[in-house]
C-alpha atoms as a PDB file:
ATOM      1  CA  MET A   1     298.826  59.912 -23.537  1.00  0.00           C
ATOM      2  CA  GLU A   2     300.901  57.001 -22.905  1.00  0.00           C
ATOM      3  CA  TYR A   3     299.374  53.578 -23.930  1.00  0.00           C
ATOM      4  CA  THR A   4     300.075  51.250 -20.995  1.00  0.00           C
ATOM      5  CA  ARG A   5     298.526  47.899 -20.195  1.00  0.00           C
ATOM      6  CA  SER A   6     295.865  49.533 -18.030  1.00  0.00           C
ATOM      7  CA  SER A   7     294.613  51.980 -20.663  1.00  0.00           C
ATOM      8  CA  ILE A   8     291.195  53.219 -19.766  1.00  0.00           C
ATOM      9  CA  VAL A   9     289.032  55.196 -22.121  1.00  0.00           C
ATOM     10  CA  LEU A  10     285.850  57.234 -20.919  1.00  0.00           C
ATOM     11  CA  TRP A  11     283.066  57.041 -23.824  1.00  0.00           C
ATOM     12  CA  ILE A  12     281.148  60.225 -22.693  1.00  0.00           C
ATOM     13  CA  GLY A  13     277.994  62.084 -23.329  1.00  0.00           C
ATOM     14  CA  PRO A  14     274.971  63.545 -21.723  1.00  0.00           C
ATOM     15  CA  LYS A  15     272.499  61.386 -19.988  1.00  0.00           C
ATOM     16  CA  ARG A  16     270.070  59.558 -22.146  1.00  0.00           C
ATOM     17  CA  SER A  17     271.905  60.850 -25.274  1.00  0.00           C
ATOM     18  CA  GLY A  18     272.461  57.340 -26.898  1.00  0.00           C
ATOM     19  CA  LYS A  19     275.814  56.320 -25.516  1.00  0.00           C
ATOM     20  CA  THR A  20     274.602  52.701 -25.290  1.00  0.00           C
ATOM     21  CA  THR A  21     273.580  52.670 -28.826  1.00  0.00           C
ATOM     22  CA  SER A  22     276.986  54.322 -29.722  1.00  0.00           C
ATOM     23  CA  ALA A  23     278.926  51.799 -27.739  1.00  0.00           C
ATOM     24  CA  ALA A  24     277.255  48.949 -29.540  1.00  0.00           C
ATOM     25  CA  ASP A  25     278.067  50.634 -32.855  1.00  0.00           C
ATOM     26  CA  LEU A  26     281.715  50.746 -31.453  1.00  0.00           C
ATOM     27  CA  ALA A  27     281.661  46.798 -30.622  1.00  0.00           C
ATOM     28  CA  ARG A  28     280.498  46.262 -34.395  1.00  0.00           C
ATOM     29  CA  PHE A  29     283.092  48.602 -35.763  1.00  0.00           C
ATOM     30  CA  ALA A  30     285.946  46.993 -33.791  1.00  0.00           C
ATOM     31  CA  ARG A  31     285.065  43.593 -34.699  1.00  0.00           C
ATOM     32  CA  ARG A  32     284.857  44.465 -38.329  1.00  0.00           C
ATOM     33  CA  ARG A  33     288.369  45.269 -37.895  1.00  0.00           C
ATOM     34  CA  GLY A  34     289.439  42.140 -36.582  1.00  0.00           C
ATOM     35  CA  LEU A  35     289.649  43.221 -32.796  1.00  0.00           C
ATOM     36  CA  ARG A  36     288.249  40.798 -29.960  1.00  0.00           C
ATOM     37  CA  VAL A  37     285.589  42.316 -27.864  1.00  0.00           C
ATOM     38  CA  ALA A  38     284.280  41.693 -24.579  1.00  0.00           C
ATOM     39  CA  GLY A  39     282.126  43.156 -21.647  1.00  0.00           C
ATOM     40  CA  VAL A  40     278.674  44.439 -21.117  1.00  0.00           C
ATOM     41  CA  LEU A  41     275.988  46.678 -22.662  1.00  0.00           C
ATOM     42  CA  GLN A  42     273.276  48.109 -20.668  1.00  0.00           C
ATOM     43  CA  PRO A  43     270.241  48.766 -23.128  1.00  0.00           C
ATOM     44  CA  ALA A  44     267.198  50.589 -22.052  1.00  0.00           C
ATOM     45  CA  VAL A  45     263.828  48.742 -21.740  1.00  0.00           C
ATOM     46  CA  TYR A  46     260.671  50.751 -22.729  1.00  0.00           C
ATOM     47  CA  ALA A  47     256.982  49.932 -22.976  1.00  0.00           C
ATOM     48  CA  GLN A  48     254.532  52.244 -24.565  1.00  0.00           C
ATOM     49  CA  GLY A  49     257.203  55.115 -24.778  1.00  0.00           C
ATOM     50  CA  GLU A  50     257.805  54.801 -21.017  1.00  0.00           C
ATOM     51  CA  LEU A  51     261.358  53.650 -19.578  1.00  0.00           C
ATOM     52  CA  LEU A  52     260.790  50.637 -17.357  1.00  0.00           C
ATOM     53  CA  GLY A  53     264.462  49.814 -16.746  1.00  0.00           C
ATOM     54  CA  TYR A  54     267.474  48.442 -18.133  1.00  0.00           C
ATOM     55  CA  ASP A  55     268.792  45.009 -19.169  1.00  0.00           C
ATOM     56  CA  VAL A  56     272.447  43.637 -19.394  1.00  0.00           C
ATOM     57  CA  VAL A  57     273.818  41.983 -22.347  1.00  0.00           C
ATOM     58  CA  ASP A  58     277.212  39.950 -22.247  1.00  0.00           C
ATOM     59  CA  LEU A  59     278.963  40.774 -25.381  1.00  0.00           C
ATOM     60  CA  ALA A  60     280.979  37.794 -25.696  1.00  0.00           C
ATOM     61  CA  THR A  61     277.982  35.357 -25.486  1.00  0.00           C
ATOM     62  CA  ASP A  62     275.064  37.615 -26.189  1.00  0.00           C
ATOM     63  CA  ARG A  63     273.339  36.340 -23.216  1.00  0.00           C
ATOM     64  CA  ARG A  64     270.737  39.019 -21.888  1.00  0.00           C
ATOM     65  CA  THR A  65     268.818  39.281 -18.701  1.00  0.00           C
ATOM     66  CA  ALA A  66     267.113  42.035 -16.602  1.00  0.00           C
ATOM     67  CA  LEU A  67     269.529  44.165 -14.824  1.00  0.00           C
ATOM     68  CA  ALA A  68     267.236  47.212 -13.295  1.00  0.00           C
ATOM     69  CA  ARG A  69     263.612  48.024 -13.054  1.00  0.00           C
ATOM     70  CA  ARG A  70     262.124  51.195 -12.107  1.00  0.00           C
ATOM     71  CA  ASP A  71     260.347  51.273  -8.907  1.00  0.00           C
ATOM     72  CA  GLY A  72     261.026  47.587  -8.380  1.00  0.00           C
ATOM     73  CA  ALA A  73     262.183  45.834  -5.194  1.00  0.00           C
ATOM     74  CA  GLY A  74     265.703  44.879  -4.542  1.00  0.00           C
ATOM     75  CA  PRO A  75     268.602  45.386  -2.088  1.00  0.00           C
ATOM     76  CA  THR A  76     270.604  47.316  -4.445  1.00  0.00           C
ATOM     77  CA  ARG A  77     269.056  50.494  -5.519  1.00  0.00           C
ATOM     78  CA  THR A  78     270.058  53.773  -7.428  1.00  0.00           C
ATOM     79  CA  GLY A  79     267.452  56.374  -7.594  1.00  0.00           C
ATOM     80  CA  ARG A  80     264.101  54.921  -8.753  1.00  0.00           C
ATOM     81  CA  PHE A  81     265.856  51.779 -10.026  1.00  0.00           C
ATOM     82  CA  ALA A  82     266.237  48.458  -8.338  1.00  0.00           C
ATOM     83  CA  PHE A  83     268.931  46.086  -9.582  1.00  0.00           C
ATOM     84  CA  ARG A  84     268.387  42.431  -9.904  1.00  0.00           C
ATOM     85  CA  PRO A  85     270.764  39.898  -8.737  1.00  0.00           C
ATOM     86  CA  GLU A  86     270.593  37.839 -11.598  1.00  0.00           C
ATOM     87  CA  GLY A  87     271.560  40.833 -13.753  1.00  0.00           C
ATOM     88  CA  LEU A  88     274.521  41.998 -11.627  1.00  0.00           C
ATOM     89  CA  GLY A  89     275.653  38.329 -11.596  1.00  0.00           C
ATOM     90  CA  LEU A  90     275.780  38.218 -15.257  1.00  0.00           C
ATOM     91  CA  GLY A  91     277.488  41.252 -15.800  1.00  0.00           C
ATOM     92  CA  ARG A  92     279.988  40.619 -13.267  1.00  0.00           C
ATOM     93  CA  ALA A  93     280.806  37.319 -14.964  1.00  0.00           C
ATOM     94  CA  ALA A  94     281.107  38.954 -18.166  1.00  0.00           C
ATOM     95  CA  LEU A  95     283.767  41.308 -16.794  1.00  0.00           C
ATOM     96  CA  ALA A  96     285.705  38.625 -14.835  1.00  0.00           C
ATOM     97  CA  GLN A  97     289.102  37.603 -16.054  1.00  0.00           C
ATOM     98  CA  PRO A  98     287.967  34.278 -17.688  1.00  0.00           C
ATOM     99  CA  ALA A  99     285.398  36.096 -19.808  1.00  0.00           C
ATOM    100  CA  VAL A 100     287.700  38.788 -21.018  1.00  0.00           C
ATOM    101  CA  ARG A 101     290.855  36.665 -21.502  1.00  0.00           C
ATOM    102  CA  GLY A 102     292.149  37.290 -25.178  1.00  0.00           C
ATOM    103  CA  ALA A 103     290.017  40.582 -25.588  1.00  0.00           C
ATOM    104  CA  ASP A 104     291.587  43.625 -27.328  1.00  0.00           C
ATOM    105  CA  LEU A 105     288.660  45.794 -25.993  1.00  0.00           C
ATOM    106  CA  VAL A 106     286.393  45.419 -23.112  1.00  0.00           C
ATOM    107  CA  LEU A 107     283.170  47.628 -22.964  1.00  0.00           C
ATOM    108  CA  VAL A 108     281.817  48.450 -19.742  1.00  0.00           C
ATOM    109  CA  ASP A 109     278.148  50.208 -20.197  1.00  0.00           C
ATOM    110  CA  GLU A 110     277.593  51.748 -17.907  1.00  0.00           C
ATOM    111  CA  PHE A 111     279.994  53.100 -15.347  1.00  0.00           C
ATOM    112  CA  GLY A 112     277.397  55.278 -13.536  1.00  0.00           C
ATOM    113  CA  PRO A 113     276.407  56.291 -10.001  1.00  0.00           C
ATOM    114  CA  LEU A 114     276.372  52.823  -8.586  1.00  0.00           C
ATOM    115  CA  GLU A 115     279.789  52.109  -9.653  1.00  0.00           C
ATOM    116  CA  VAL A 116     280.976  55.439  -8.386  1.00  0.00           C
ATOM    117  CA  ALA A 117     279.318  54.588  -4.940  1.00  0.00           C
ATOM    118  CA  GLY A 118     281.392  51.265  -5.126  1.00  0.00           C
ATOM    119  CA  GLY A 119     278.901  48.823  -6.488  1.00  0.00           C
ATOM    120  CA  GLY A 120     277.832  47.419  -9.789  1.00  0.00           C
ATOM    121  CA  TRP A 121     280.715  46.877 -12.091  1.00  0.00           C
ATOM    122  CA  ARG A 122     283.257  48.828  -9.752  1.00  0.00           C
ATOM    123  CA  GLN A 123     285.240  45.979  -8.318  1.00  0.00           C
ATOM    124  CA  ALA A 124     285.222  43.961 -11.848  1.00  0.00           C
ATOM    125  CA  VAL A 125     286.677  47.201 -13.378  1.00  0.00           C
ATOM    126  CA  GLU A 126     289.420  47.739 -10.626  1.00  0.00           C
ATOM    127  CA  THR A 127     290.411  44.049 -10.977  1.00  0.00           C
ATOM    128  CA  LEU A 128     290.626  44.156 -14.724  1.00  0.00           C
ATOM    129  CA  THR A 129     292.440  47.426 -15.059  1.00  0.00           C
ATOM    130  CA  ARG A 130     294.877  46.499 -12.603  1.00  0.00           C
ATOM    131  CA  SER A 131     295.779  42.977 -14.113  1.00  0.00           C
ATOM    132  CA  GLY A 132     299.142  42.465 -16.140  1.00  0.00           C
ATOM    133  CA  GLU A 133     297.003  41.354 -19.175  1.00  0.00           C
ATOM    134  CA  SER A 134     294.510  44.186 -19.098  1.00  0.00           C
ATOM    135  CA  PRO A 135     292.882  45.113 -22.608  1.00  0.00           C
ATOM    136  CA  VAL A 136     291.757  48.534 -23.251  1.00  0.00           C
ATOM    137  CA  VAL A 137     288.922  49.160 -21.154  1.00  0.00           C
ATOM    138  CA  VAL A 138     285.944  51.645 -22.350  1.00  0.00           C
ATOM    139  CA  LEU A 139     283.897  52.942 -19.395  1.00  0.00           C
ATOM    140  CA  VAL A 140     280.497  54.590 -20.579  1.00  0.00           C
ATOM    141  CA  VAL A 141     280.175  57.478 -18.497  1.00  0.00           C
ATOM    142  CA  ARG A 142     277.735  60.474 -18.368  1.00  0.00           C
ATOM    143  CA  ASP A 143     278.930  63.887 -18.540  1.00  0.00           C
ATOM    144  CA  ASP A 144     278.176  64.639 -14.958  1.00  0.00           C
ATOM    145  CA  LEU A 145     280.432  61.919 -13.638  1.00  0.00           C
ATOM    146  CA  VAL A 146     283.432  62.491 -15.542  1.00  0.00           C
ATOM    147  CA  VAL A 147     285.390  64.581 -12.984  1.00  0.00           C
ATOM    148  CA  GLU A 148     284.602  61.935 -10.319  1.00  0.00           C
ATOM    149  CA  VAL A 149     285.626  58.794 -12.629  1.00  0.00           C
ATOM    150  CA  ARG A 150     288.832  60.545 -13.811  1.00  0.00           C
ATOM    151  CA  ARG A 151     289.910  61.261 -10.438  1.00  0.00           C
ATOM    152  CA  MET A 152     288.942  57.622  -9.360  1.00  0.00           C
ATOM    153  CA  PHE A 153     291.420  56.242 -12.193  1.00  0.00           C
ATOM    154  CA  SER A 154     293.942  58.972 -11.838  1.00  0.00           C
ATOM    155  CA  ASP A 155     296.590  56.466 -11.132  1.00  0.00           C
ATOM    156  CA  ARG A 156     296.246  54.568 -14.493  1.00  0.00           C
ATOM    157  CA  SER A 157     296.648  55.647 -18.213  1.00  0.00           C
ATOM    158  CA  LEU A 158     293.288  57.225 -19.171  1.00  0.00           C
ATOM    159  CA  GLY A 159     291.743  59.205 -21.950  1.00  0.00           C
ATOM    160  CA  VAL A 160     288.361  60.643 -22.922  1.00  0.00           C
ATOM    161  CA  VAL A 161     286.302  60.308 -26.200  1.00  0.00           C
ATOM    162  CA  PRO A 162     283.121  62.075 -26.670  1.00  0.00           C
ATOM    163  CA  ALA A 163     280.763  59.291 -28.001  1.00  0.00           C
ATOM    164  CA  ALA A 164     278.967  61.859 -30.443  1.00  0.00           C
ATOM    165  CA  GLN A 165     282.087  62.718 -32.374  1.00  0.00           C
ATOM    166  CA  PRO A 166     282.028  61.336 -36.035  1.00  0.00           C
ATOM    167  CA  ASP A 167     285.251  59.449 -35.643  1.00  0.00           C
ATOM    168  CA  ALA A 168     284.994  58.189 -31.881  1.00  0.00           C
ATOM    169  CA  ALA A 169     284.955  54.382 -32.837  1.00  0.00           C
ATOM    170  CA  ALA A 170     288.012  54.930 -35.045  1.00  0.00           C
ATOM    171  CA  ARG A 171     289.779  56.698 -32.219  1.00  0.00           C
ATOM    172  CA  VAL A 172     289.087  53.964 -29.699  1.00  0.00           C
ATOM    173  CA  THR A 173     290.017  51.115 -31.998  1.00  0.00           C
ATOM    174  CA  GLY A 174     293.147  52.964 -32.999  1.00  0.00           C
ATOM    175  CA  ILE A 175     294.055  52.841 -29.085  1.00  0.00           C
ATOM    176  CA  ALA A 176     293.346  49.382 -28.864  1.00  0.00           C
ATOM    177  CA  GLY A 177     295.300  48.377 -32.145  1.00  0.00           C
ATOM    178  CA  ARG A 178     298.271  50.380 -30.952  1.00  0.00           C
ATOM    179  CA  LYS A 179     298.130  48.926 -27.515  1.00  0.00           C
ATOM    180  CA  THR A 180     298.038  45.207 -28.623  1.00  0.00           C
ATOM    181  CA  GLY A 181     300.231  45.485 -31.705  1.00  0.00           C
ATOM    182  CA  PHE A 182     297.189  44.763 -33.827  1.00  0.00           C
ATOM    183  CA  SER A 183     297.473  45.142 -37.704  1.00  0.00           C
ATOM    184  CA  GLY A 184     294.447  46.192 -39.730  1.00  0.00           C
ATOM    185  CA  PRO A 185     293.282  44.459 -42.850  1.00  0.00           C
ATOM    186  CA  ASP A 186     295.909  46.314 -44.893  1.00  0.00           C
ATOM    187  CA  GLY A 187     298.741  44.844 -42.690  1.00  0.00           C
ATOM    188  CA  ARG A 188     299.548  48.339 -41.089  1.00  0.00           C
ATOM    189  CA  PRO A 189     298.940  49.142 -37.501  1.00  0.00           C
ATOM    190  CA  PRO A 190     296.130  51.691 -36.754  1.00  0.00           C
ATOM    191  CA  SER A 191     297.083  55.221 -36.855  1.00  0.00           C
ATOM    192  CA  ALA A 192     297.329  57.358 -33.772  1.00  0.00           C
ATOM    193  CA  PRO A 193     294.057  58.816 -32.810  1.00  0.00           C
ATOM    194  CA  THR A 194     293.926  62.723 -33.460  1.00  0.00           C
ATOM    195  CA  GLY A 195     292.452  65.057 -31.090  1.00  0.00           C
ATOM    196  CA  PHE A 196     292.319  62.431 -28.266  1.00  0.00           C
ATOM    197  CA  GLU A 197     292.290  63.968 -24.855  1.00  0.00           C
ATOM    198  CA  GLY A 198     294.347  61.833 -22.415  1.00  0.00           C
ATOM    199  CA  THR A 199     295.935  61.984 -19.051  1.00  0.00           C
END
């Protein structure tokens, strides 16, 4: 894989396999290594063991609001979930150029059916990954959408990291460090990720 200014990493795993939790772990891991992290997480919201929907969290500010609720009302829907304008607005603002300026790593959780259909975070990601100052962008993608998402970004530098692999976070931070010229605490650049699938 050639590490260009528009590097995209797909952080993949099965549906409801803990990808958001592992993406949050990735953000903490990257920050401990001195990388600047921005973007959004989309944690699930449960009540009495039942999935109610999802919130959205701005990784740069920790602001959080409701994003989607099961069987709710709203103009934007995917399956049983209705997306709330305030949640979509917070997420899009968190992915806009002013919010991600200076970041080494931008997490986008998740890049799912809504984005594949052209909604959600799709336009923000398109703008971000085509900009001259783009950081490494990590798209959280479920397994059944990987082929379609790879096709969508086939004109850009793209790789795939399974979220469940023990060294997944180290691989991604290695990519971000190599791209930005970042040196770790020991003063050396991160080593190249091994076993990384790229195009």
